[in-house]
C-alpha atoms as a PDB file:
ATOM      1  CA  MET A   1       4.446  -5.183 -16.663  1.00  0.00           C
ATOM      2  CA  TYR A   2       1.146  -4.344 -14.981  1.00  0.00           C
ATOM      3  CA  ALA A   3       0.728  -3.473 -11.308  1.00  0.00           C
ATOM      4  CA  ASP A   4      -1.478  -5.742  -9.261  1.00  0.00           C
ATOM      5  CA  PRO A   5      -4.759  -3.951  -8.674  1.00  0.00           C
ATOM      6  CA  ARG A   6      -5.848  -3.536  -5.085  1.00  0.00           C
ATOM      7  CA  PRO A   7      -9.022  -5.629  -4.826  1.00  0.00           C
ATOM      8  CA  ALA A   8     -10.445  -3.373  -2.135  1.00  0.00           C
ATOM      9  CA  THR A   9     -10.488  -0.371  -4.459  1.00  0.00           C
ATOM     10  CA  ARG A  10     -14.062   0.347  -5.538  1.00  0.00           C
ATOM     11  CA  TRP A  11     -13.177   2.551  -8.510  1.00  0.00           C
ATOM     12  CA  ASN A  12     -16.742   3.417  -9.485  1.00  0.00           C
ATOM     13  CA  GLU A  13     -17.413   4.782  -5.947  1.00  0.00           C
ATOM     14  CA  LEU A  14     -14.487   7.249  -6.066  1.00  0.00           C
ATOM     15  CA  PRO A  15     -14.723  10.911  -7.176  1.00  0.00           C
ATOM     16  CA  ILE A  16     -12.552  10.045 -10.184  1.00  0.00           C
ATOM     17  CA  VAL A  17     -14.306  10.276 -13.544  1.00  0.00           C
ATOM     18  CA  CYS A  18     -12.570  10.835 -16.881  1.00  0.00           C
ATOM     19  CA  PRO A  19     -13.896  14.107 -18.323  1.00  0.00           C
ATOM     20  CA  PHE A  20     -13.177  12.833 -21.858  1.00  0.00           C
ATOM     21  CA  CYS A  21     -14.826   9.349 -21.988  1.00  0.00           C
ATOM     22  CA  SER A  22     -16.670   9.204 -18.608  1.00  0.00           C
ATOM     23  CA  ASN A  23     -14.619   6.160 -17.433  1.00  0.00           C
ATOM     24  CA  ARG A  24     -15.430   5.529 -13.765  1.00  0.00           C
ATOM     25  CA  GLY A  25     -13.449   2.286 -13.470  1.00  0.00           C
ATOM     26  CA  GLU A  26     -16.340  -0.113 -14.040  1.00  0.00           C
ATOM     27  CA  ALA A  27     -15.279  -3.756 -13.883  1.00  0.00           C
ATOM     28  CA  LYS A  28     -14.203  -5.105 -17.298  1.00  0.00           C
ATOM     29  CA  GLY A  29     -14.534  -1.635 -18.801  1.00  0.00           C
ATOM     30  CA  ARG A  30     -12.705  -0.465 -21.936  1.00  0.00           C
ATOM     31  CA  TRP A  31      -9.665   0.358 -19.731  1.00  0.00           C
ATOM     32  CA  SER A  32      -9.152  -3.363 -18.861  1.00  0.00           C
ATOM     33  CA  THR A  33      -7.567  -4.119 -22.235  1.00  0.00           C
ATOM     34  CA  ASN A  34      -4.855  -1.497 -21.587  1.00  0.00           C
ATOM     35  CA  ALA A  35      -3.928  -1.888 -17.877  1.00  0.00           C
ATOM     36  CA  ALA A  36      -4.644  -3.686 -14.585  1.00  0.00           C
ATOM     37  CA  VAL A  37      -6.157  -0.512 -13.122  1.00  0.00           C
ATOM     38  CA  PRO A  38      -8.544   2.050 -14.724  1.00  0.00           C
ATOM     39  CA  PHE A  39      -6.397   5.092 -13.865  1.00  0.00           C
ATOM     40  CA  LYS A  40      -2.694   5.871 -13.395  1.00  0.00           C
ATOM     41  CA  LEU A  41      -0.938   8.769 -11.672  1.00  0.00           C
ATOM     42  CA  VAL A  42       1.312  10.710 -14.043  1.00  0.00           C
ATOM     43  CA  GLU A  43       4.056  13.106 -12.984  1.00  0.00           C
ATOM     44  CA  GLN A  44       6.785  14.881 -14.909  1.00  0.00           C
ATOM     45  CA  VAL A  45      10.244  14.539 -13.462  1.00  0.00           C
ATOM     46  CA  VAL A  46      13.730  15.526 -14.631  1.00  0.00           C
ATOM     47  CA  ARG A  47      15.710  12.595 -15.978  1.00  0.00           C
ATOM     48  CA  SER A  48      19.286  13.243 -17.002  1.00  0.00           C
ATOM     49  CA  PHE A  49      22.043  11.411 -18.868  1.00  0.00           C
ATOM     50  CA  GLU A  50      25.672  12.039 -19.664  1.00  0.00           C
ATOM     51  CA  PHE A  51      26.187  11.894 -23.374  1.00  0.00           C
ATOM     52  CA  SER A  52      28.763  12.044 -26.212  1.00  0.00           C
ATOM     53  CA  ALA A  53      28.162  13.821 -29.512  1.00  0.00           C
ATOM     54  CA  GLU A  54      29.611  14.126 -32.964  1.00  0.00           C
ATOM     55  CA  ILE A  55      28.857  15.656 -36.350  1.00  0.00           C
ATOM     56  CA  ASP A  56      28.615  13.331 -39.307  1.00  0.00           C
ATOM     57  CA  ASP A  57      29.766  14.037 -42.881  1.00  0.00           C
ATOM     58  CA  GLU A  58      26.475  15.766 -43.705  1.00  0.00           C
ATOM     59  CA  ARG A  59      26.825  18.035 -40.643  1.00  0.00           C
ATOM     60  CA  ARG A  60      24.043  16.313 -38.695  1.00  0.00           C
ATOM     61  CA  LEU A  61      24.418  16.162 -34.946  1.00  0.00           C
ATOM     62  CA  PHE A  62      24.456  12.661 -33.427  1.00  0.00           C
ATOM     63  CA  ILE A  63      23.980  12.400 -29.635  1.00  0.00           C
ATOM     64  CA  ALA A  64      24.561   9.075 -27.833  1.00  0.00           C
ATOM     65  CA  ALA A  65      23.100   8.989 -24.308  1.00  0.00           C
ATOM     66  CA  ASP A  66      24.952   6.924 -21.715  1.00  0.00           C
ATOM     67  CA  VAL A  67      22.077   5.040 -20.074  1.00  0.00           C
ATOM     68  CA  GLU A  68      24.411   3.857 -17.321  1.00  0.00           C
ATOM     69  CA  THR A  69      24.479   7.477 -16.003  1.00  0.00           C
ATOM     70  CA  ASP A  70      20.685   7.822 -15.861  1.00  0.00           C
ATOM     71  CA  LYS A  71      19.590   9.932 -12.905  1.00  0.00           C
ATOM     72  CA  VAL A  72      16.029  10.837 -11.913  1.00  0.00           C
ATOM     73  CA  ASP A  73      15.411  13.916  -9.755  1.00  0.00           C
ATOM     74  CA  TRP A  74      12.291  12.894  -7.905  1.00  0.00           C
ATOM     75  CA  GLU A  75      12.074  16.278  -6.142  1.00  0.00           C
ATOM     76  CA  SER A  76      11.689  18.033  -9.477  1.00  0.00           C
ATOM     77  CA  GLY A  77       8.274  16.352 -10.027  1.00  0.00           C
ATOM     78  CA  ASN A  78       5.394  18.556 -11.076  1.00  0.00           C
ATOM     79  CA  GLY A  79       2.148  18.346 -12.875  1.00  0.00           C
ATOM     80  CA  MET A  80       0.754  15.373 -10.944  1.00  0.00           C
ATOM     81  CA  ARG A  81      -2.352  14.269 -12.800  1.00  0.00           C
ATOM     82  CA  ILE A  82      -4.452  11.235 -13.575  1.00  0.00           C
ATOM     83  CA  GLU A  83      -4.389   9.294 -16.806  1.00  0.00           C
ATOM     84  CA  CYS A  84      -7.419   7.421 -17.950  1.00  0.00           C
ATOM     85  CA  MET A  85      -6.520   3.936 -19.140  1.00  0.00           C
ATOM     86  CA  ALA A  86      -9.558   3.779 -21.415  1.00  0.00           C
ATOM     87  CA  CYS A  87      -8.909   6.840 -23.575  1.00  0.00           C
ATOM     88  CA  PHE A  88      -5.453   7.951 -22.300  1.00  0.00           C
ATOM     89  CA  GLY A  89      -6.790  11.429 -21.538  1.00  0.00           C
ATOM     90  CA  GLN A  90      -5.174  13.247 -18.609  1.00  0.00           C
ATOM     91  CA  PHE A  91      -6.906  15.380 -16.000  1.00  0.00           C
ATOM     92  CA  PRO A  92      -6.184  16.962 -12.583  1.00  0.00           C
ATOM     93  CA  VAL A  93      -6.151  14.922  -9.383  1.00  0.00           C
ATOM     94  CA  PRO A  94      -9.281  15.841  -7.383  1.00  0.00           C
ATOM     95  CA  GLU A  95      -8.646  18.775  -5.114  1.00  0.00           C
ATOM     96  CA  GLY A  96      -7.844  17.842  -1.529  1.00  0.00           C
ATOM     97  CA  ALA A  97      -6.634  14.322  -2.419  1.00  0.00           C
ATOM     98  CA  ASP A  98      -3.690  12.962  -0.425  1.00  0.00           C
ATOM     99  CA  ILE A  99      -1.147  11.099  -2.514  1.00  0.00           C
ATOM    100  CA  ASP A 100       1.192   8.561  -0.910  1.00  0.00           C
ATOM    101  CA  LEU A 101       4.307   7.864  -2.987  1.00  0.00           C
ATOM    102  CA  SER A 102       5.906   5.630  -0.369  1.00  0.00           C
ATOM    103  CA  ASN A 103       6.742   2.895  -2.867  1.00  0.00           C
ATOM    104  CA  LEU A 104       9.267   5.183  -4.604  1.00  0.00           C
ATOM    105  CA  ALA A 105      12.974   5.066  -3.763  1.00  0.00           C
ATOM    106  CA  ASN A 106      12.718   8.542  -2.179  1.00  0.00           C
ATOM    107  CA  THR A 107       9.633   8.421   0.055  1.00  0.00           C
ATOM    108  CA  ARG A 108       7.408  11.467  -0.085  1.00  0.00           C
ATOM    109  CA  SER A 109       3.751  12.343   0.063  1.00  0.00           C
ATOM    110  CA  MET A 110       1.771  15.351  -1.028  1.00  0.00           C
ATOM    111  CA  ASN A 111      -1.583  16.946  -0.326  1.00  0.00           C
ATOM    112  CA  LEU A 112      -3.249  18.573  -3.346  1.00  0.00           C
END
């Protein structure tokens, strides 16, 4: 499911340029076949599950994750970066950018 793009965002006027393919978010650019917006924020977080395990007859380990116990530790997040939706390259968020993550279950914001 794609997010609704904010019509007021003038992507090609922002200081966000993919260092790999030079995507600036031009309208109907190569990125538009992959997503509703030209860039996405990417962050690594810790996600944990309870699981059961067993060894089969050939001594291979089998682990079954219990998805009902899925927990995400939003405070563990690190490595905030931008992903280009044209080439899927990832690069740092421009220095000094303020990021508002208020749509997440645990509201937080950060200044880079």
